[in-house]
Amino acid sequence: MKGQGRRREGKVLLLLVSCVAGCVVAAPASLESTATPIPILMDERIPIDQYGGYGFRIQTGNDVTWVERAEASGPTNEVTRTGQYRFVHPDGTVHLLTYTAGVNGFQPISDMLPTPHPLEPWHLEQDPSGPNHHLLRPTLFANLHPTPGLLLLLPAPTQLRRAGPRCLPVL
């Protein structure tokens, strides 16, 4: 029994020494950062006023700029922020975004923002609230569905044309 206890203690001690040695080997050679600091070329600030307005302009040595101004306006002194930021992507593309943020939400303007795919005319035809909503009429299919009185919106039969596997209203 004594021999087994000493073997177990030896294994635990070996495991502990191995863990400490692994941590020492994995530690970085220097605790100092190798990153080059980026200088701040401009840092101008307008203190916050009694209504919540403020402003600042910041420019750094790696060509990043950010300008923002906030002003209270209207009868309830809603704060509206306007500003822009600019930086250069690693590929050399300039990213410029101008924005307004206030009671109408955040409204960015930039050539770099994604845009939705343009709608085709047949997309608009399928929109029930679109310009062709008058072509849709309520139709009662009580005899085809187990729920009596089910109201479905379907295109009027005279306004249909065959287009592949689906029927679309004709303009």
Protein backbone atom coordinates (compact mmCIF):
# COMPACT_ATOMS: atom_id res chain seq x y z
CA MET A 1 0.00 0.00 0.00
CA LYS A 2 2.83 2.39 0.82
CA GLY A 3 4.49 1.75 -2.54
CA GLN A 4 1.34 2.59 -4.50
CA GLY A 5 0.91 5.90 -2.65
CA ARG A 6 4.48 6.94 -3.43
CA ARG A 7 4.03 6.06 -7.12
CA ARG A 8 0.85 8.13 -7.27
CA GLU A 9 2.59 11.08 -5.57
CA GLY A 10 5.47 10.75 -8.04
CA LYS A 11 3.07 10.82 -11.01
CA VAL A 12 1.27 13.87 -9.65
CA LEU A 13 4.59 15.62 -9.05
CA LEU A 14 5.75 14.76 -12.59
CA LEU A 15 2.49 16.08 -14.04
CA LEU A 16 2.80 19.32 -12.05
CA VAL A 17 6.42 19.88 -13.12
CA SER A 18 5.46 19.18 -16.77
CA CYS A 19 2.64 21.75 -16.63
CA VAL A 20 4.90 24.43 -15.14
CA ALA A 21 7.61 23.71 -17.74
CA GLY A 22 5.03 23.94 -20.55
CA CYS A 23 3.82 27.33 -19.29
CA VAL A 24 7.37 28.65 -19.11
CA VAL A 25 8.15 27.50 -22.66
CA ALA A 26 4.85 28.88 -24.05
CA ALA A 27 5.26 32.30 -22.41
CA PRO A 28 6.19 35.17 -24.78
CA ALA A 29 9.85 36.11 -24.82
CA SER A 30 9.01 39.75 -24.09
CA LEU A 31 6.00 41.25 -22.40
CA GLU A 32 6.43 44.49 -24.36
CA SER A 33 4.12 45.06 -27.32
CA THR A 34 5.70 44.93 -30.77
CA ALA A 35 2.91 47.04 -32.30
CA THR A 36 3.92 50.47 -33.50
CA PRO A 37 1.91 53.19 -31.74
CA ILE A 38 -0.17 55.40 -34.04
CA PRO A 39 0.14 59.10 -33.25
CA ILE A 40 -2.93 61.27 -32.72
CA LEU A 41 -2.43 64.33 -34.93
CA MET A 42 -5.56 66.22 -33.89
CA ASP A 43 -7.97 65.87 -30.97
CA GLU A 44 -10.36 68.82 -30.68
CA ARG A 45 -13.40 68.58 -28.45
CA ILE A 46 -16.35 70.83 -27.69
CA PRO A 47 -17.62 70.11 -24.15
CA ILE A 48 -21.16 68.89 -23.58
CA ASP A 49 -23.57 71.80 -23.15
CA GLN A 50 -26.66 71.96 -20.95
CA TYR A 51 -28.87 70.48 -23.72
CA GLY A 52 -26.61 67.54 -24.59
CA GLY A 53 -24.83 69.08 -27.56
CA TYR A 54 -21.14 68.36 -28.11
CA GLY A 55 -18.56 68.00 -30.84
CA PHE A 56 -15.17 66.53 -31.63
CA ARG A 57 -12.65 66.14 -34.43
CA ILE A 58 -9.99 63.43 -34.34
CA GLN A 59 -7.26 62.62 -36.86
CA THR A 60 -4.60 59.94 -36.51
CA GLY A 61 -1.28 59.26 -38.18
CA ASN A 62 -2.65 56.33 -40.20
CA ASP A 63 -5.15 58.58 -42.05
CA VAL A 64 -8.22 57.91 -39.89
CA THR A 65 -10.47 60.90 -39.27
CA TRP A 66 -13.71 61.19 -37.33
CA VAL A 67 -15.78 64.35 -36.95
CA GLU A 68 -19.06 64.50 -35.04
CA ARG A 69 -21.31 67.26 -33.78
CA ALA A 70 -24.49 66.99 -31.73
CA GLU A 71 -27.04 69.75 -31.28
CA ALA A 72 -30.35 69.95 -29.45
CA SER A 73 -33.21 71.21 -31.59
CA GLY A 74 -36.97 71.32 -31.72
CA PRO A 75 -39.47 72.11 -28.98
CA THR A 76 -38.35 69.13 -26.85
CA ASN A 77 -34.60 69.62 -27.48
CA GLU A 78 -34.03 66.32 -29.29
CA VAL A 79 -30.32 65.79 -29.85
CA THR A 80 -29.32 65.19 -33.48
CA ARG A 81 -25.83 63.95 -34.26
CA THR A 82 -24.16 64.55 -37.60
CA GLY A 83 -20.73 63.39 -38.53
CA GLN A 84 -18.45 61.44 -40.76
CA TYR A 85 -15.51 59.10 -40.51
CA ARG A 86 -12.88 58.19 -43.06
CA PHE A 87 -10.18 55.53 -43.27
CA VAL A 88 -8.23 53.67 -45.93
CA HIS A 89 -8.64 49.90 -46.39
CA PRO A 90 -5.47 47.79 -46.77
CA ASP A 91 -6.13 47.56 -50.53
CA GLY A 92 -6.06 51.38 -50.80
CA THR A 93 -9.84 51.91 -51.06
CA VAL A 94 -10.98 55.02 -49.20
CA HIS A 95 -13.95 54.41 -46.91
CA LEU A 96 -15.97 57.56 -46.21
CA LEU A 97 -19.26 57.43 -44.32
CA THR A 98 -21.40 60.46 -43.49
CA TYR A 99 -24.27 60.03 -41.05
CA THR A 100 -27.11 61.69 -39.21
CA ALA A 101 -28.60 60.18 -36.06
CA GLY A 102 -31.63 61.56 -34.30
CA VAL A 103 -35.35 61.04 -33.92
CA ASN A 104 -35.46 59.32 -37.34
CA GLY A 105 -32.73 56.82 -36.41
CA PHE A 106 -29.25 56.33 -37.80
CA GLN A 107 -29.05 57.35 -41.47
CA PRO A 108 -25.67 56.55 -43.06
CA ILE A 109 -24.58 57.67 -46.54
CA SER A 110 -21.64 55.95 -48.21
CA ASP A 111 -20.61 54.31 -51.47
CA MET A 112 -19.32 51.40 -49.38
CA LEU A 113 -22.73 50.40 -47.94
CA PRO A 114 -24.37 47.32 -49.42
CA THR A 115 -27.47 47.97 -51.50
CA PRO A 116 -30.39 45.64 -52.20
CA HIS A 117 -30.65 43.93 -55.54
CA PRO A 118 -32.82 45.99 -57.92
CA LEU A 119 -36.40 44.75 -58.24
CA GLU A 120 -37.55 43.26 -61.54
CA PRO A 121 -41.02 44.20 -62.87
CA TRP A 122 -42.40 40.76 -61.99
CA HIS A 123 -41.38 41.33 -58.35
CA LEU A 124 -43.66 44.36 -58.25
CA GLU A 125 -46.49 42.37 -59.84
CA GLN A 126 -46.41 39.89 -56.96
CA ASP A 127 -46.62 42.55 -54.26
CA PRO A 128 -50.25 42.52 -52.98
CA SER A 129 -49.94 46.13 -51.82
CA GLY A 130 -48.28 47.25 -55.06
CA PRO A 131 -49.77 48.99 -58.10
CA ASN A 132 -51.68 45.85 -59.20
CA HIS A 133 -53.45 45.16 -55.92
CA HIS A 134 -56.78 45.86 -57.67
CA LEU A 135 -56.21 42.66 -59.73
CA LEU A 136 -56.49 40.59 -56.58
CA ARG A 137 -59.99 39.73 -55.51
CA PRO A 138 -61.28 37.76 -52.51
CA THR A 139 -62.38 34.24 -53.48
CA LEU A 140 -64.31 31.85 -51.27
CA PHE A 141 -63.19 28.20 -51.36
CA ALA A 142 -65.48 26.69 -48.71
CA ASN A 143 -66.04 23.50 -50.76
CA LEU A 144 -62.28 22.85 -51.26
CA HIS A 145 -61.08 23.42 -47.71
CA PRO A 146 -62.32 21.80 -44.51
CA THR A 147 -62.67 25.21 -42.86
CA PRO A 148 -65.90 26.80 -44.14
CA GLY A 149 -65.71 30.44 -45.06
CA LEU A 150 -61.91 30.57 -45.66
CA LEU A 151 -61.09 33.78 -47.50
CA LEU A 152 -58.13 33.67 -49.92
CA LEU A 153 -56.65 36.41 -52.06
CA LEU A 154 -56.08 35.09 -55.57
CA PRO A 155 -55.61 36.87 -58.90
CA ALA A 156 -58.78 37.25 -60.95
CA PRO A 157 -58.92 34.32 -63.46
CA THR A 158 -59.25 36.64 -66.46
CA GLN A 159 -56.09 38.50 -65.48
CA LEU A 160 -53.74 35.47 -65.53
CA ARG A 161 -51.14 34.44 -68.07
CA ARG A 162 -49.05 31.32 -67.96
CA ALA A 163 -45.37 31.97 -67.18
CA GLY A 164 -43.56 28.72 -66.54
CA PRO A 165 -44.69 26.91 -63.43
CA ARG A 166 -46.57 29.86 -61.90
CA CYS A 167 -49.37 32.19 -62.87
CA LEU A 168 -48.79 35.94 -62.74
CA PRO A 169 -51.22 38.84 -63.17
CA VAL A 170 -50.94 40.74 -66.46
CA LEU A 171 -50.50 44.49 -66.33
